[in-house]
PDB file of N, CA and C in Angstrom:
ATOM      1  N   VAL A   1     111.743  97.211  90.872  1.00  0.00           N
ATOM      2  CA  VAL A   1     112.048  97.937  89.656  1.00  0.00           C
ATOM      3  C   VAL A   1     112.389  99.386  90.012  1.00  0.00           C
ATOM      4  N   CYS A   2     111.694  99.949  90.974  1.00  0.00           N
ATOM      5  CA  CYS A   2     112.007 101.298  91.442  1.00  0.00           C
ATOM      6  C   CYS A   2     113.438 101.339  91.974  1.00  0.00           C
ATOM      7  N   LEU A   3     113.815 100.331  92.722  1.00  0.00           N
ATOM      8  CA  LEU A   3     115.180 100.248  93.248  1.00  0.00           C
ATOM      9  C   LEU A   3     116.203 100.203  92.125  1.00  0.00           C
ATOM     10  N   ALA A   4     115.946  99.419  91.093  1.00  0.00           N
ATOM     11  CA  ALA A   4     116.879  99.312  89.966  1.00  0.00           C
ATOM     12  C   ALA A   4     117.011 100.645  89.232  1.00  0.00           C
ATOM     13  N   GLN A   5     115.913 101.365  89.097  1.00  0.00           N
ATOM     14  CA  GLN A   5     115.996 102.659  88.420  1.00  0.00           C
ATOM     15  C   GLN A   5     116.832 103.645  89.228  1.00  0.00           C
ATOM     16  N   HIS A   6     116.540 103.752  90.502  1.00  0.00           N
ATOM     17  CA  HIS A   6     117.200 104.771  91.311  1.00  0.00           C
ATOM     18  C   HIS A   6     118.572 104.343  91.818  1.00  0.00           C
ATOM     19  N   GLY A   7     118.840 103.052  91.861  1.00  0.00           N
ATOM     20  CA  GLY A   7     120.156 102.583  92.287  1.00  0.00           C
ATOM     21  C   GLY A   7     121.189 102.622  91.182  1.00  0.00           C
ATOM     22  N   SER A   8     120.784 102.203  89.980  1.00  0.00           N
ATOM     23  CA  SER A   8     121.759 102.054  88.886  1.00  0.00           C
ATOM     24  C   SER A   8     121.270 102.589  87.547  1.00  0.00           C
ATOM     25  N   ASN A   9     120.062 103.130  87.508  1.00  0.00           N
ATOM     26  CA  ASN A   9     119.442 103.524  86.237  1.00  0.00           C
ATOM     27  C   ASN A   9     119.388 102.336  85.280  1.00  0.00           C
ATOM     28  N   TYR A  10     119.108 101.165  85.847  1.00  0.00           N
ATOM     29  CA  TYR A  10     118.969  99.894  85.115  1.00  0.00           C
ATOM     30  C   TYR A  10     120.273  99.430  84.454  1.00  0.00           C
ATOM     31  N   ASN A  11     121.400  99.923  84.894  1.00  0.00           N
ATOM     32  CA  ASN A  11     122.693  99.580  84.291  1.00  0.00           C
ATOM     33  C   ASN A  11     123.364  98.478  85.106  1.00  0.00           C
ATOM     34  N   THR A  12     123.525  97.304  84.516  1.00  0.00           N
ATOM     35  CA  THR A  12     124.132  96.177  85.228  1.00  0.00           C
ATOM     36  C   THR A  12     125.617  96.394  85.500  1.00  0.00           C
ATOM     37  N   GLN A  13     126.253  97.321  84.819  1.00  0.00           N
ATOM     38  CA  GLN A  13     127.694  97.555  84.978  1.00  0.00           C
ATOM     39  C   GLN A  13     128.029  98.615  86.030  1.00  0.00           C
ATOM     40  N   THR A  14     127.027  99.178  86.672  1.00  0.00           N
ATOM     41  CA  THR A  14     127.251 100.268  87.618  1.00  0.00           C
ATOM     42  C   THR A  14     127.997  99.794  88.859  1.00  0.00           C
ATOM     43  N   THR A  15     129.025 100.557  89.236  1.00  0.00           N
ATOM     44  CA  THR A  15     129.711 100.360  90.514  1.00  0.00           C
ATOM     45  C   THR A  15     129.827 101.718  91.196  1.00  0.00           C
ATOM     46  N   ASN A  16     129.751 101.714  92.503  1.00  0.00           N
ATOM     47  CA  ASN A  16     129.917 102.933  93.296  1.00  0.00           C
ATOM     48  C   ASN A  16     130.743 102.612  94.529  1.00  0.00           C
ATOM     49  N   TYR A  17     131.876 103.287  94.649  1.00  0.00           N
ATOM     50  CA  TYR A  17     132.778 103.090  95.778  1.00  0.00           C
ATOM     51  C   TYR A  17     132.306 103.926  96.965  1.00  0.00           C
ATOM     52  N   ASN A  18     132.337 103.316  98.150  1.00  0.00           N
ATOM     53  CA  ASN A  18     131.948 103.988  99.388  1.00  0.00           C
ATOM     54  C   ASN A  18     133.204 104.219 100.229  1.00  0.00           C
ATOM     55  N   PRO A  19     133.770 105.424 100.214  1.00  0.00           N
ATOM     56  CA  PRO A  19     135.027 105.652 100.923  1.00  0.00           C
ATOM     57  C   PRO A  19     134.925 105.459 102.433  1.00  0.00           C
ATOM     58  N   GLY A  20     133.760 105.679 103.008  1.00  0.00           N
ATOM     59  CA  GLY A  20     133.603 105.545 104.453  1.00  0.00           C
ATOM     60  C   GLY A  20     134.002 104.182 104.981  1.00  0.00           C
ATOM     61  N   ASP A  21     133.468 103.123 104.372  1.00  0.00           N
ATOM     62  CA  ASP A  21     133.815 101.766 104.819  1.00  0.00           C
ATOM     63  C   ASP A  21     134.637 101.012 103.780  1.00  0.00           C
ATOM     64  N   GLN A  22     135.048 101.703 102.732  1.00  0.00           N
ATOM     65  CA  GLN A  22     135.895 101.140 101.677  1.00  0.00           C
ATOM     66  C   GLN A  22     135.255  99.926 101.005  1.00  0.00           C
ATOM     67  N   SER A  23     133.940  99.973 100.866  1.00  0.00           N
ATOM     68  CA  SER A  23     133.220  98.920 100.155  1.00  0.00           C
ATOM     69  C   SER A  23     132.754  99.476  98.813  1.00  0.00           C
ATOM     70  N   THR A  24     132.206  98.597  97.976  1.00  0.00           N
ATOM     71  CA  THR A  24     131.703  99.005  96.668  1.00  0.00           C
ATOM     72  C   THR A  24     130.326  98.396  96.460  1.00  0.00           C
ATOM     73  N   ASP A  25     129.438  99.160  95.844  1.00  0.00           N
ATOM     74  CA  ASP A  25     128.117  98.676  95.452  1.00  0.00           C
ATOM     75  C   ASP A  25     128.193  98.248  93.990  1.00  0.00           C
ATOM     76  N   TYR A  26     127.598  97.082  93.674  1.00  0.00           N
ATOM     77  CA  TYR A  26     127.746  96.471  92.354  1.00  0.00           C
ATOM     78  C   TYR A  26     126.414  96.202  91.676  1.00  0.00           C
ATOM     79  N   GLY A  27     126.357  96.508  90.389  1.00  0.00           N
ATOM     80  CA  GLY A  27     125.303  96.029  89.517  1.00  0.00           C
ATOM     81  C   GLY A  27     123.990  96.772  89.578  1.00  0.00           C
ATOM     82  N   ILE A  28     123.006  96.169  88.943  1.00  0.00           N
ATOM     83  CA  ILE A  28     121.694  96.787  88.772  1.00  0.00           C
ATOM     84  C   ILE A  28     121.018  97.113  90.100  1.00  0.00           C
ATOM     85  N   PHE A  29     121.271  96.308  91.139  1.00  0.00           N
ATOM     86  CA  PHE A  29     120.673  96.550  92.450  1.00  0.00           C
ATOM     87  C   PHE A  29     121.634  97.195  93.437  1.00  0.00           C
ATOM     88  N   GLN A  30     122.863  97.486  92.999  1.00  0.00           N
ATOM     89  CA  GLN A  30     123.862  98.114  93.864  1.00  0.00           C
ATOM     90  C   GLN A  30     124.037  97.327  95.166  1.00  0.00           C
ATOM     91  N   ILE A  31     124.422  96.079  95.013  1.00  0.00           N
ATOM     92  CA  ILE A  31     124.630  95.170  96.139  1.00  0.00           C
ATOM     93  C   ILE A  31     126.037  95.388  96.690  1.00  0.00           C
ATOM     94  N   ASN A  32     126.122  95.544  98.004  1.00  0.00           N
ATOM     95  CA  ASN A  32     127.347  95.987  98.663  1.00  0.00           C
ATOM     96  C   ASN A  32     128.324  94.856  98.961  1.00  0.00           C
ATOM     97  N   SER A  33     129.599  95.145  98.718  1.00  0.00           N
ATOM     98  CA  SER A  33     130.657  94.152  98.925  1.00  0.00           C
ATOM     99  C   SER A  33     130.997  93.943 100.398  1.00  0.00           C
ATOM    100  N   ARG A  34     130.596  94.813 101.280  1.00  0.00           N
ATOM    101  CA  ARG A  34     130.882  94.634 102.710  1.00  0.00           C
ATOM    102  C   ARG A  34     130.141  93.407 103.248  1.00  0.00           C
ATOM    103  N   TYR A  35     128.910  93.205 102.788  1.00  0.00           N
ATOM    104  CA  TYR A  35     128.079  92.143 103.351  1.00  0.00           C
ATOM    105  C   TYR A  35     127.712  91.027 102.382  1.00  0.00           C
ATOM    106  N   TRP A  36     127.567  91.324 101.098  1.00  0.00           N
ATOM    107  CA  TRP A  36     126.838  90.406 100.238  1.00  0.00           C
ATOM    108  C   TRP A  36     127.645  89.689  99.180  1.00  0.00           C
ATOM    109  N   CYS A  37     128.774  90.215  98.739  1.00  0.00           N
ATOM    110  CA  CYS A  37     129.552  89.560  97.682  1.00  0.00           C
ATOM    111  C   CYS A  37     131.040  89.729  97.958  1.00  0.00           C
ATOM    112  N   ASN A  38     131.857  89.014  97.210  1.00  0.00           N
ATOM    113  CA  ASN A  38     133.310  89.060  97.395  1.00  0.00           C
ATOM    114  C   ASN A  38     133.965  89.728  96.195  1.00  0.00           C
ATOM    115  N   ASP A  39     134.647  90.848  96.447  1.00  0.00           N
ATOM    116  CA  ASP A  39     135.384  91.512  95.369  1.00  0.00           C
ATOM    117  C   ASP A  39     136.895  91.432  95.572  1.00  0.00           C
ATOM    118  N   ASP A  40     137.341  90.675  96.568  1.00  0.00           N
ATOM    119  CA  ASP A  40     138.767  90.528  96.886  1.00  0.00           C
ATOM    120  C   ASP A  40     139.433  91.859  97.212  1.00  0.00           C
ATOM    121  N   LYS A  41     138.655  92.881  97.529  1.00  0.00           N
ATOM    122  CA  LYS A  41     139.208  94.189  97.894  1.00  0.00           C
ATOM    123  C   LYS A  41     138.683  94.685  99.235  1.00  0.00           C
ATOM    124  N   THR A  42     137.453  94.331  99.556  1.00  0.00           N
ATOM    125  CA  THR A  42     136.803  94.851 100.753  1.00  0.00           C
ATOM    126  C   THR A  42     137.245  94.049 101.974  1.00  0.00           C
ATOM    127  N   LEU A  43     137.871  94.727 102.921  1.00  0.00           N
ATOM    128  CA  LEU A  43     138.339  94.063 104.134  1.00  0.00           C
ATOM    129  C   LEU A  43     137.158  93.616 104.994  1.00  0.00           C
ATOM    130  N   ARG A  44     137.305  92.473 105.633  1.00  0.00           N
ATOM    131  CA  ARG A  44     136.289  91.911 106.537  1.00  0.00           C
ATOM    132  C   ARG A  44     134.935  91.712 105.869  1.00  0.00           C
ATOM    133  N   ALA A  45     134.939  91.422 104.578  1.00  0.00           N
ATOM    134  CA  ALA A  45     133.688  91.188 103.851  1.00  0.00           C
ATOM    135  C   ALA A  45     133.040  89.881 104.310  1.00  0.00           C
ATOM    136  N   VAL A  46     131.724  89.859 104.352  1.00  0.00           N
ATOM    137  CA  VAL A  46     130.962  88.704 104.827  1.00  0.00           C
ATOM    138  C   VAL A  46     130.620  87.744 103.688  1.00  0.00           C
ATOM    139  N   ASN A  47     130.276  88.262 102.512  1.00  0.00           N
ATOM    140  CA  ASN A  47     129.865  87.478 101.340  1.00  0.00           C
ATOM    141  C   ASN A  47     128.678  86.564 101.657  1.00  0.00           C
ATOM    142  N   ALA A  48     127.630  87.152 102.212  1.00  0.00           N
ATOM    143  CA  ALA A  48     126.444  86.384 102.605  1.00  0.00           C
ATOM    144  C   ALA A  48     125.722  85.744 101.426  1.00  0.00           C
ATOM    145  N   CYS A  49     125.895  86.276 100.220  1.00  0.00           N
ATOM    146  CA  CYS A  49     125.280  85.660  99.033  1.00  0.00           C
ATOM    147  C   CYS A  49     126.170  84.569  98.443  1.00  0.00           C
ATOM    148  N   GLY A  50     127.416  84.484  98.884  1.00  0.00           N
ATOM    149  CA  GLY A  50     128.316  83.435  98.409  1.00  0.00           C
ATOM    150  C   GLY A  50     128.685  83.552  96.941  1.00  0.00           C
ATOM    151  N   ILE A  51     128.824  84.784  96.443  1.00  0.00           N
ATOM    152  CA  ILE A  51     129.145  84.979  95.023  1.00  0.00           C
ATOM    153  C   ILE A  51     130.236  86.034  94.862  1.00  0.00           C
ATOM    154  N   PRO A  52     130.966  85.977  93.753  1.00  0.00           N
ATOM    155  CA  PRO A  52     131.885  87.075  93.458  1.00  0.00           C
ATOM    156  C   PRO A  52     131.079  88.306  93.028  1.00  0.00           C
ATOM    157  N   CYS A  53     131.541  89.467  93.389  1.00  0.00           N
ATOM    158  CA  CYS A  53     130.832  90.692  93.001  1.00  0.00           C
ATOM    159  C   CYS A  53     130.759  90.840  91.487  1.00  0.00           C
ATOM    160  N   SER A  54     131.715  90.280  90.776  1.00  0.00           N
ATOM    161  CA  SER A  54     131.704  90.364  89.308  1.00  0.00           C
ATOM    162  C   SER A  54     130.452  89.714  88.716  1.00  0.00           C
ATOM    163  N   ALA A  55     129.869  88.733  89.418  1.00  0.00           N
ATOM    164  CA  ALA A  55     128.641  88.084  88.939  1.00  0.00           C
ATOM    165  C   ALA A  55     127.464  89.054  88.933  1.00  0.00           C
ATOM    166  N   LEU A  56     127.569  90.130  89.700  1.00  0.00           N
ATOM    167  CA  LEU A  56     126.496  91.117  89.778  1.00  0.00           C
ATOM    168  C   LEU A  56     126.568  92.141  88.655  1.00  0.00           C
ATOM    169  N   LEU A  57     127.609  92.062  87.830  1.00  0.00           N
ATOM    170  CA  LEU A  57     127.817  93.021  86.743  1.00  0.00           C
ATOM    171  C   LEU A  57     127.455  92.456  85.380  1.00  0.00           C
ATOM    172  N   GLN A  58     126.861  91.280  85.349  1.00  0.00           N
ATOM    173  CA  GLN A  58     126.511  90.624  84.089  1.00  0.00           C
ATOM    174  C   GLN A  58     125.156  91.116  83.580  1.00  0.00           C
ATOM    175  N   ASP A  59     124.960  91.004  82.266  1.00  0.00           N
ATOM    176  CA  ASP A  59     123.648  91.322  81.697  1.00  0.00           C
ATOM    177  C   ASP A  59     122.584  90.327  82.158  1.00  0.00           C
ATOM    178  N   ASP A  60     122.987  89.080  82.418  1.00  0.00           N
ATOM    179  CA  ASP A  60     122.078  88.088  83.000  1.00  0.00           C
ATOM    180  C   ASP A  60     121.960  88.430  84.482  1.00  0.00           C
ATOM    181  N   ILE A  61     120.813  88.967  84.891  1.00  0.00           N
ATOM    182  CA  ILE A  61     120.678  89.443  86.267  1.00  0.00           C
ATOM    183  C   ILE A  61     120.220  88.355  87.243  1.00  0.00           C
ATOM    184  N   THR A  62     120.241  87.097  86.819  1.00  0.00           N
ATOM    185  CA  THR A  62     119.818  86.009  87.708  1.00  0.00           C
ATOM    186  C   THR A  62     120.601  86.004  89.019  1.00  0.00           C
ATOM    187  N   PRO A  63     121.947  86.058  89.004  1.00  0.00           N
ATOM    188  CA  PRO A  63     122.669  86.086  90.283  1.00  0.00           C
ATOM    189  C   PRO A  63     122.325  87.319  91.128  1.00  0.00           C
ATOM    190  N   ALA A  64     122.131  88.457  90.482  1.00  0.00           N
ATOM    191  CA  ALA A  64     121.769  89.675  91.208  1.00  0.00           C
ATOM    192  C   ALA A  64     120.390  89.531  91.846  1.00  0.00           C
ATOM    193  N   MET A  65     119.453  88.924  91.118  1.00  0.00           N
ATOM    194  CA  MET A  65     118.110  88.697  91.668  1.00  0.00           C
ATOM    195  C   MET A  65     118.173  87.758  92.871  1.00  0.00           C
ATOM    196  N   GLN A  66     118.940  86.682  92.744  1.00  0.00           N
ATOM    197  CA  GLN A  66     119.052  85.728  93.849  1.00  0.00           C
ATOM    198  C   GLN A  66     119.663  86.388  95.078  1.00  0.00           C
ATOM    199  N   CYS A  67     120.690  87.194  94.869  1.00  0.00           N
ATOM    200  CA  CYS A  67     121.322  87.874  95.990  1.00  0.00           C
ATOM    201  C   CYS A  67     120.387  88.925  96.582  1.00  0.00           C
ATOM    202  N   ALA A  68     119.675  89.665  95.747  1.00  0.00           N
ATOM    203  CA  ALA A  68     118.722  90.664  96.247  1.00  0.00           C
ATOM    204  C   ALA A  68     117.651  89.999  97.109  1.00  0.00           C
ATOM    205  N   LYS A  69     117.201  88.822  96.709  1.00  0.00           N
ATOM    206  CA  LYS A  69     116.223  88.089  97.525  1.00  0.00           C
ATOM    207  C   LYS A  69     116.823  87.735  98.879  1.00  0.00           C
ATOM    208  N   ARG A  70     118.106  87.389  98.898  1.00  0.00           N
ATOM    209  CA  ARG A  70     118.788  87.084 100.156  1.00  0.00           C
ATOM    210  C   ARG A  70     118.877  88.339 101.033  1.00  0.00           C
ATOM    211  N   VAL A  71     119.189  89.474 100.437  1.00  0.00           N
ATOM    212  CA  VAL A  71     119.260  90.735 101.183  1.00  0.00           C
ATOM    213  C   VAL A  71     117.909  91.037 101.826  1.00  0.00           C
ATOM    214  N   VAL A  72     116.838  90.872 101.084  1.00  0.00           N
ATOM    215  CA  VAL A  72     115.500  91.194 101.579  1.00  0.00           C
ATOM    216  C   VAL A  72     115.098  90.283 102.737  1.00  0.00           C
ATOM    217  N   ARG A  73     115.633  89.068 102.786  1.00  0.00           N
ATOM    218  CA  ARG A  73     115.328  88.153 103.901  1.00  0.00           C
ATOM    219  C   ARG A  73     116.022  88.580 105.189  1.00  0.00           C
ATOM    220  N   ASP A  74     117.024  89.430 105.109  1.00  0.00           N
ATOM    221  CA  ASP A  74     117.747  89.903 106.280  1.00  0.00           C
ATOM    222  C   ASP A  74     116.819  90.807 107.107  1.00  0.00           C
ATOM    223  N   PRO A  75     117.077  90.958 108.410  1.00  0.00           N
ATOM    224  CA  PRO A  75     116.177  91.778 109.236  1.00  0.00           C
ATOM    225  C   PRO A  75     115.948  93.203 108.711  1.00  0.00           C
ATOM    226  N   GLN A  76     116.960  93.825 108.135  1.00  0.00           N
ATOM    227  CA  GLN A  76     116.783  95.178 107.606  1.00  0.00           C
ATOM    228  C   GLN A  76     115.937  95.174 106.333  1.00  0.00           C
ATOM    229  N   GLY A  77     115.900  94.036 105.656  1.00  0.00           N
ATOM    230  CA  GLY A  77     115.077  93.889 104.463  1.00  0.00           C
ATOM    231  C   GLY A  77     115.446  94.852 103.357  1.00  0.00           C
ATOM    232  N   ILE A  78     114.451  95.269 102.617  1.00  0.00           N
ATOM    233  CA  ILE A  78     114.684  96.142 101.465  1.00  0.00           C
ATOM    234  C   ILE A  78     115.200  97.517 101.892  1.00  0.00           C
ATOM    235  N   ARG A  79     115.031  97.850 103.164  1.00  0.00           N
ATOM    236  CA  ARG A  79     115.550  99.123 103.662  1.00  0.00           C
ATOM    237  C   ARG A  79     117.075  99.153 103.702  1.00  0.00           C
ATOM    238  N   ALA A  80     117.725  98.030 103.402  1.00  0.00           N
ATOM    239  CA  ALA A  80     119.189  98.013 103.311  1.00  0.00           C
ATOM    240  C   ALA A  80     119.677  98.929 102.193  1.00  0.00           C
ATOM    241  N   TRP A  81     118.823  99.203 101.232  1.00  0.00           N
ATOM    242  CA  TRP A  81     119.194 100.061 100.102  1.00  0.00           C
ATOM    243  C   TRP A  81     118.741 101.489 100.358  1.00  0.00           C
ATOM    244  N   SER A  82     119.682 102.425 100.384  1.00  0.00           N
ATOM    245  CA  SER A  82     119.314 103.831 100.561  1.00  0.00           C
ATOM    246  C   SER A  82     118.494 104.331  99.375  1.00  0.00           C
ATOM    247  N   ALA A  83     118.727 103.792  98.179  1.00  0.00           N
ATOM    248  CA  ALA A  83     117.925 104.194  97.018  1.00  0.00           C
ATOM    249  C   ALA A  83     116.452 103.852  97.247  1.00  0.00           C
ATOM    250  N   TRP A  84     116.181 102.744  97.928  1.00  0.00           N
ATOM    251  CA  TRP A  84     114.793 102.368  98.218  1.00  0.00           C
ATOM    252  C   TRP A  84     114.179 103.340  99.223  1.00  0.00           C
ATOM    253  N   THR A  85     114.889 103.586 100.317  1.00  0.00           N
ATOM    254  CA  THR A  85     114.316 104.440 101.355  1.00  0.00           C
ATOM    255  C   THR A  85     114.154 105.880 100.873  1.00  0.00           C
ATOM    256  N   ARG A  86     115.052 106.357 100.020  1.00  0.00           N
ATOM    257  CA  ARG A  86     114.973 107.735  99.522  1.00  0.00           C
ATOM    258  C   ARG A  86     113.947 107.924  98.413  1.00  0.00           C
ATOM    259  N   HIS A  87     113.801 106.944  97.524  1.00  0.00           N
ATOM    260  CA  HIS A  87     113.011 107.162  96.314  1.00  0.00           C
ATOM    261  C   HIS A  87     111.757 106.294  96.173  1.00  0.00           C
ATOM    262  N   CYS A  88     111.677 105.194  96.904  1.00  0.00           N
ATOM    263  CA  CYS A  88     110.599 104.229  96.652  1.00  0.00           C
ATOM    264  C   CYS A  88     109.702 103.968  97.861  1.00  0.00           C
ATOM    265  N   GLN A  89     110.286 103.932  99.042  1.00  0.00           N
ATOM    266  CA  GLN A  89     109.527 103.606 100.250  1.00  0.00           C
ATOM    267  C   GLN A  89     108.406 104.623 100.467  1.00  0.00           C
ATOM    268  N   HIS A  90     107.246 104.132 100.831  1.00  0.00           N
ATOM    269  CA  HIS A  90     106.059 104.959 101.098  1.00  0.00           C
ATOM    270  C   HIS A  90     105.596 105.741  99.867  1.00  0.00           C
ATOM    271  N   LYS A  91     105.958 105.267  98.682  1.00  0.00           N
ATOM    272  CA  LYS A  91     105.522 105.912  97.440  1.00  0.00           C
ATOM    273  C   LYS A  91     104.709 104.902  96.629  1.00  0.00           C
ATOM    274  N   ASP A  92     103.883 105.392  95.745  1.00  0.00           N
ATOM    275  CA  ASP A  92     103.139 104.515  94.839  1.00  0.00           C
ATOM    276  C   ASP A  92     104.100 104.047  93.752  1.00  0.00           C
ATOM    277  N   VAL A  93     104.522 102.798  93.832  1.00  0.00           N
ATOM    278  CA  VAL A  93     105.480 102.260  92.862  1.00  0.00           C
ATOM    279  C   VAL A  93     104.786 101.413  91.792  1.00  0.00           C
ATOM    280  N   SER A  94     103.461 101.468  91.744  1.00  0.00           N
ATOM    281  CA  SER A  94     102.729 100.654  90.771  1.00  0.00           C
ATOM    282  C   SER A  94     103.077 101.020  89.331  1.00  0.00           C
ATOM    283  N   GLU A  95     103.511 102.253  89.090  1.00  0.00           N
ATOM    284  CA  GLU A  95     103.878 102.661  87.730  1.00  0.00           C
ATOM    285  C   GLU A  95     105.020 101.818  87.161  1.00  0.00           C
ATOM    286  N   TYR A  96     105.845 101.266  88.028  1.00  0.00           N
ATOM    287  CA  TYR A  96     106.994 100.485  87.577  1.00  0.00           C
ATOM    288  C   TYR A  96     106.599  99.123  87.014  1.00  0.00           C
ATOM    289  N   ILE A  97     105.425  98.643  87.383  1.00  0.00           N
ATOM    290  CA  ILE A  97     104.977  97.336  86.891  1.00  0.00           C
ATOM    291  C   ILE A  97     103.643  97.428  86.164  1.00  0.00           C
ATOM    292  N   GLY A  98     103.203  98.623  85.841  1.00  0.00           N
ATOM    293  CA  GLY A  98     101.892  98.863  85.248  1.00  0.00           C
ATOM    294  C   GLY A  98     101.594  98.056  84.003  1.00  0.00           C
ATOM    295  N   ASN A  99     102.541  97.890  83.121  1.00  0.00           N
ATOM    296  CA  ASN A  99     102.319  97.180  81.857  1.00  0.00           C
ATOM    297  C   ASN A  99     102.961  95.797  81.830  1.00  0.00           C
ATOM    298  N   CYS A 100     103.233  95.247  83.002  1.00  0.00           N
ATOM    299  CA  CYS A 100     103.931  93.957  83.068  1.00  0.00           C
ATOM    300  C   CYS A 100     102.994  92.760  83.176  1.00  0.00           C
ATOM    301  N   GLY A 101     101.733  93.002  83.413  1.00  0.00           N
ATOM    302  CA  GLY A 101     100.791  91.897  83.533  1.00  0.00           C
ATOM    303  C   GLY A 101     100.871  91.166  84.854  1.00  0.00           C
ATOM    304  N   VAL A 102     101.403  91.824  85.898  1.00  0.00           N
ATOM    305  CA  VAL A 102     101.459  91.198  87.223  1.00  0.00           C
ATOM    306  C   VAL A 102     100.476  91.848  88.165  1.00  0.00           C
TER     307      VAL A 102
END
């Protein structure tokens, strides 16, 4: 939840272009087109989640959740997201789930 706040401010429609590698981050979790989804624009894209990037822009975040779980299984894990390392890692993130009953 911390990642969603700092990556997209909980906005499923958020996109951010990365001029360095000409990739784009998509959706509530800002999943990158270089490795995880196909946007038909990013050269040499891997599409490790096997989904179109447009699926990450829907209000139904099920595809984004499934892909995020795939990202976390990768060796870099959740540290793949700069929003996590900058704003959430080594911080008390319990406030994000305090009233969720988990």
